[in-house]
Amino acid sequence: MGGIGFSELLLLALVTLLVVGPRRLPEMARLAGQWSRRARSAWESLRSEFQVELDRDHNQRVLDAERRAAEAEGQTDADAPVSSHDRTTPD
């Protein structure tokens, strides 16, 4: 759904042939192909840049979470009281 089927493509080709004429049809087809390639290239470039930014943001969040966990672990170890059971006594 939403795609262009064979019948729609055929109808578009016939209308284009009637509007443009047979002499200019190859030129128009070439121009349409160039615009299509440019649009596809621009879209892929935009998508790629967006994905890089998403990955960068994700990596930063992971690093921040790991840093907070390491800081919390360091504070827990330093603030924890040492019980008499934790000490080793020489025998």
Protein backbone atom coordinates (compact mmCIF):
# COMPACT_ATOMS: atom_id res chain seq x y z
CA MET A 1 0.00 0.00 0.00
CA GLY A 2 1.30 3.45 -0.83
CA GLY A 3 3.61 2.17 -3.57
CA ILE A 4 3.31 2.82 -7.26
CA GLY A 5 2.08 -0.21 -9.17
CA PHE A 6 2.56 -1.11 -12.81
CA SER A 7 -0.75 0.42 -13.92
CA GLU A 8 0.01 3.74 -12.20
CA LEU A 9 3.49 3.79 -13.73
CA LEU A 10 2.07 3.09 -17.19
CA LEU A 11 -0.51 5.85 -16.79
CA LEU A 12 2.19 8.29 -15.66
CA ALA A 13 4.33 7.38 -18.69
CA LEU A 14 1.42 7.94 -21.09
CA VAL A 15 0.51 11.30 -19.56
CA THR A 16 4.16 12.36 -19.65
CA LEU A 17 4.43 11.31 -23.30
CA LEU A 18 1.34 13.37 -24.16
CA VAL A 19 2.49 16.45 -22.23
CA VAL A 20 6.19 16.44 -23.14
CA GLY A 21 6.07 14.89 -26.58
CA PRO A 22 8.16 12.09 -28.06
CA ARG A 23 11.19 14.24 -28.93
CA ARG A 24 11.73 15.62 -25.42
CA LEU A 25 10.79 12.42 -23.57
CA PRO A 26 14.36 10.99 -23.36
CA GLU A 27 15.67 14.34 -22.09
CA MET A 28 12.92 14.52 -19.46
CA ALA A 29 13.53 10.92 -18.39
CA ARG A 30 17.23 11.65 -17.97
CA LEU A 31 16.45 14.79 -15.97
CA ALA A 32 14.01 12.88 -13.77
CA GLY A 33 16.68 10.22 -13.14
CA GLN A 34 19.22 12.87 -12.14
CA TRP A 35 16.80 14.49 -9.72
CA SER A 36 15.89 11.10 -8.30
CA ARG A 37 19.57 10.25 -7.69
CA ARG A 38 20.19 13.64 -6.07
CA ALA A 39 17.18 13.27 -3.80
CA ARG A 40 18.16 9.72 -2.83
CA SER A 41 21.75 10.81 -2.15
CA ALA A 42 20.61 13.73 -0.01
CA TRP A 43 18.22 11.50 1.92
CA GLU A 44 20.92 8.88 2.57
CA SER A 45 23.35 11.58 3.69
CA LEU A 46 20.79 13.04 6.07
CA ARG A 47 19.88 9.60 7.41
CA SER A 48 23.55 8.74 7.91
CA GLU A 49 24.27 11.98 9.78
CA PHE A 50 21.19 11.46 11.94
CA GLN A 51 22.29 7.91 12.79
CA VAL A 52 25.78 9.14 13.73
CA GLU A 53 24.24 11.69 16.10
CA LEU A 54 21.95 9.07 17.62
CA ASP A 55 24.89 6.73 18.16
CA ARG A 56 26.95 9.55 19.68
CA ASP A 57 24.11 10.46 22.05
CA HIS A 58 23.62 6.81 23.03
CA ASN A 59 27.35 6.35 23.70
CA GLN A 60 27.42 9.50 25.83
CA ARG A 61 24.47 8.27 27.89
CA VAL A 62 26.17 4.90 28.44
CA LEU A 63 29.40 6.61 29.51
CA ASP A 64 27.52 8.91 31.88
CA ALA A 65 25.67 5.98 33.43
CA GLU A 66 28.91 4.04 33.88
CA ARG A 67 30.58 7.09 35.42
CA ARG A 68 27.70 7.57 37.88
CA ALA A 69 27.79 3.88 38.77
CA ALA A 70 31.54 4.00 39.34
CA GLU A 71 31.22 7.13 41.49
CA ALA A 72 28.40 5.57 43.51
CA GLU A 73 30.44 2.41 43.98
CA GLY A 74 33.47 4.41 45.07
CA GLN A 75 31.42 6.40 47.59
CA THR A 76 29.79 3.26 48.92
CA ASP A 77 33.14 1.57 49.50
CA ALA A 78 34.69 4.63 51.12
CA ASP A 79 31.68 5.44 53.32
CA ALA A 80 30.97 1.91 54.47
CA PRO A 81 31.97 1.19 58.06
CA VAL A 82 34.47 -1.56 58.52
CA SER A 83 33.05 -4.28 60.74
CA SER A 84 35.13 -6.39 63.03
CA HIS A 85 34.29 -9.44 60.92
CA ASP A 86 35.89 -7.89 57.87
CA ARG A 87 39.25 -7.48 59.53
CA THR A 88 41.66 -10.29 59.27
CA THR A 89 43.62 -11.04 62.35
CA PRO A 90 46.90 -12.83 62.20
CA ASP A 91 46.72 -16.31 63.70
